Amino acid sequence: AKEAARQSMRQLRSMLTSDAEELEEALPKMSLAFEKAMSVAIVAFALKMGAQCQWTPDQHESLRLVYTILDVVFLIIFTVEIACRQAHLGLKLWSRDPWNWLDLAVTSISFIDVYLLLHDARVTVFLSIKTVRFARLMRMVGLVVTVPELVMVVEGFYHALASL
């Protein structure tokens, strides 16, 4: 079972790496500063979501405004990211990258989320929209796969956990 899990991990890594390498070769590069800024934004967004799970607005009413402001700020950042990528690559090349479609879908859903949040809507759809926003964290998988040092760190964690 352990060997099958290791083989599956190797196949997944190979598949993700080869897809990322093919796309990298085919698409013009965004600036390194832009890519780093977007990576920092994704990590900051993940931290905000983690904080929001730990210290919910229902338990800490004073944080509701902070979370709302952060949601609007991240929505603006990720909307600008999509616009910059489309302007840089052109619509035809932009549409070839599945990460761009994921970003577009999650950002579109985030518009609905922020709209409901700003209008103080307390509906069950609101909770399911919040759950879908976790999809943006999938970008972290793309980040990890494209940075060799991070791949080594993840593999190290995997091997450490597998030995337990």
Protein backbone atom coordinates (compact mmCIF):
# COMPACT_ATOMS: atom_id res chain seq x y z
CA ALA A 1 0.00 0.00 0.00
CA LYS A 2 2.86 2.37 0.82
CA GLU A 3 4.54 1.64 -2.51
CA ALA A 4 1.27 2.24 -4.37
CA ALA A 5 0.86 5.57 -2.58
CA ARG A 6 4.42 6.56 -3.47
CA GLN A 7 3.87 5.58 -7.09
CA SER A 8 0.65 7.62 -7.20
CA MET A 9 2.50 10.61 -5.73
CA ARG A 10 5.26 10.27 -8.35
CA GLN A 11 2.71 10.04 -11.16
CA LEU A 12 0.81 13.08 -9.89
CA ARG A 13 4.02 15.08 -9.58
CA SER A 14 5.13 14.00 -13.05
CA MET A 15 1.78 14.92 -14.56
CA LEU A 16 1.61 18.33 -12.86
CA THR A 17 5.25 19.10 -13.63
CA SER A 18 5.02 18.15 -17.31
CA ASP A 19 1.80 20.15 -17.79
CA ALA A 20 3.35 23.15 -16.07
CA GLU A 21 6.53 22.86 -18.15
CA GLU A 22 4.58 22.62 -21.42
CA LEU A 23 2.53 25.69 -20.57
CA GLU A 24 5.59 27.61 -19.40
CA GLU A 25 7.30 27.00 -22.73
CA ALA A 26 4.22 27.92 -24.75
CA LEU A 27 3.22 31.11 -22.93
CA PRO A 28 5.11 34.39 -22.68
CA LYS A 29 6.41 35.01 -19.18
CA MET A 30 4.93 37.49 -16.75
CA SER A 31 7.53 39.44 -14.82
CA LEU A 32 9.12 37.68 -11.87
CA ALA A 33 8.04 40.53 -9.57
CA PHE A 34 4.41 40.10 -10.68
CA GLU A 35 4.51 36.33 -10.13
CA LYS A 36 6.05 36.78 -6.68
CA ALA A 37 3.47 39.43 -5.75
CA MET A 38 0.63 37.11 -6.80
CA SER A 39 2.19 34.23 -4.85
CA VAL A 40 2.37 36.44 -1.76
CA ALA A 41 -1.27 37.45 -2.33
CA ILE A 42 -2.35 33.79 -2.53
CA VAL A 43 -0.47 32.92 0.66
CA ALA A 44 -1.92 35.99 2.42
CA PHE A 45 -5.39 34.97 1.24
CA ALA A 46 -4.82 31.48 2.67
CA LEU A 47 -3.73 32.98 5.98
CA LYS A 48 -6.83 35.20 6.04
CA MET A 49 -9.06 32.19 5.38
CA GLY A 50 -7.31 30.26 8.14
CA ALA A 51 -7.75 33.16 10.56
CA GLN A 52 -11.40 33.45 9.58
CA CYS A 53 -11.91 29.74 10.37
CA GLN A 54 -10.17 30.10 13.72
CA TRP A 55 -11.73 33.40 14.77
CA THR A 56 -15.15 33.49 13.12
CA PRO A 57 -17.13 36.71 12.78
CA ASP A 58 -19.98 35.07 14.68
CA GLN A 59 -17.72 34.57 17.70
CA HIS A 60 -15.81 37.86 17.31
CA GLU A 61 -18.17 40.50 15.94
CA SER A 62 -15.37 43.09 15.84
CA LEU A 63 -13.59 41.06 13.14
CA ARG A 64 -16.54 41.13 10.73
CA LEU A 65 -15.52 44.52 9.29
CA VAL A 66 -11.86 43.47 9.05
CA TYR A 67 -12.78 40.32 7.12
CA THR A 68 -15.12 42.27 4.83
CA ILE A 69 -12.41 44.81 4.00
CA LEU A 70 -9.89 42.02 3.36
CA ASP A 71 -12.39 40.22 1.10
CA VAL A 72 -12.83 43.38 -0.99
CA VAL A 73 -9.06 43.97 -1.13
CA PHE A 74 -8.34 40.40 -2.25
CA LEU A 75 -11.16 40.58 -4.80
CA ILE A 76 -9.57 43.70 -6.28
CA ILE A 77 -6.09 42.11 -6.28
CA PHE A 78 -7.25 38.92 -8.00
CA THR A 79 -9.39 40.83 -10.51
CA VAL A 80 -6.39 42.99 -11.43
CA GLU A 81 -4.29 39.82 -11.74
CA ILE A 82 -6.74 38.35 -14.27
CA ALA A 83 -6.84 41.61 -16.23
CA CYS A 84 -3.04 41.87 -16.27
CA ARG A 85 -2.61 38.27 -17.42
CA GLN A 86 -5.21 38.73 -20.18
CA ALA A 87 -3.59 41.98 -21.32
CA HIS A 88 -0.11 40.42 -21.29
CA LEU A 89 -0.98 37.13 -22.97
CA GLY A 90 -3.94 38.06 -25.11
CA LEU A 91 -7.23 36.22 -24.76
CA LYS A 92 -6.23 33.30 -27.00
CA LEU A 93 -3.07 32.42 -25.06
CA TRP A 94 -4.65 33.29 -21.71
CA SER A 95 -7.44 30.80 -22.31
CA ARG A 96 -4.96 27.91 -22.81
CA ASP A 97 -3.92 27.85 -19.16
CA PRO A 98 -6.38 25.99 -16.89
CA TRP A 99 -5.11 27.94 -13.86
CA ASN A 100 -6.44 31.11 -15.50
CA TRP A 101 -9.90 29.54 -15.85
CA LEU A 102 -9.81 28.45 -12.22
CA ASP A 103 -8.87 32.00 -11.19
CA LEU A 104 -11.66 33.44 -13.32
CA ALA A 105 -14.26 31.06 -11.88
CA VAL A 106 -13.21 31.65 -8.27
CA THR A 107 -12.98 35.42 -8.74
CA SER A 108 -16.43 35.50 -10.35
CA ILE A 109 -17.85 33.56 -7.43
CA SER A 110 -16.03 35.93 -5.07
CA PHE A 111 -17.92 38.85 -6.64
CA ILE A 112 -21.19 37.18 -5.62
CA ASP A 113 -19.74 36.43 -2.18
CA VAL A 114 -18.67 40.03 -1.60
CA TYR A 115 -21.98 41.35 -2.91
CA LEU A 116 -23.88 39.15 -0.45
CA LEU A 117 -21.46 40.09 2.31
CA LEU A 118 -21.88 43.82 1.70
CA HIS A 119 -25.65 43.48 1.62
CA ASP A 120 -25.62 41.47 4.84
CA ALA A 121 -27.28 38.48 3.20
CA ARG A 122 -27.47 35.52 5.52
CA VAL A 123 -28.49 32.74 3.19
CA THR A 124 -27.35 29.15 2.91
CA VAL A 125 -25.93 29.82 -0.56
CA PHE A 126 -23.50 32.19 1.17
CA LEU A 127 -21.87 29.30 3.01
CA SER A 128 -21.48 27.20 -0.13
CA ILE A 129 -19.91 30.16 -1.94
CA LYS A 130 -17.41 30.53 0.91
CA THR A 131 -16.50 26.87 0.49
CA VAL A 132 -15.86 27.27 -3.24
CA ARG A 133 -13.35 30.04 -2.49
CA PHE A 134 -11.05 27.36 -1.11
CA ALA A 135 -10.48 26.44 -4.75
CA ARG A 136 -8.17 29.43 -5.02
CA LEU A 137 -5.83 27.59 -2.69
CA MET A 138 -5.34 25.08 -5.51
CA ARG A 139 -3.09 27.75 -7.00
CA MET A 140 -0.70 26.92 -4.19
CA VAL A 141 -0.33 23.46 -5.77
CA GLY A 142 0.73 25.16 -8.98
CA LEU A 143 3.13 27.35 -7.03
CA VAL A 144 4.69 24.37 -5.26
CA VAL A 145 5.10 22.38 -8.48
CA THR A 146 6.89 25.20 -10.32
CA VAL A 147 9.41 25.95 -7.57
CA PRO A 148 11.91 23.07 -7.22
CA GLU A 149 12.81 23.97 -3.64
CA LEU A 150 9.16 23.78 -2.59
CA VAL A 151 8.80 20.41 -4.34
CA MET A 152 11.70 19.12 -2.23
CA VAL A 153 10.05 20.45 0.96
CA VAL A 154 6.70 18.82 0.12
CA GLU A 155 8.39 15.54 -0.80
CA GLY A 156 10.32 15.69 2.48
CA PHE A 157 7.08 16.10 4.43
CA TYR A 158 5.51 13.29 2.45
CA HIS A 159 8.39 10.90 3.16
CA ALA A 160 8.44 11.89 6.83
CA LEU A 161 4.71 11.22 7.15
CA ALA A 162 4.95 7.98 5.18
CA SER A 163 7.53 6.63 7.61
CA LEU A 164 5.18 7.14 10.59
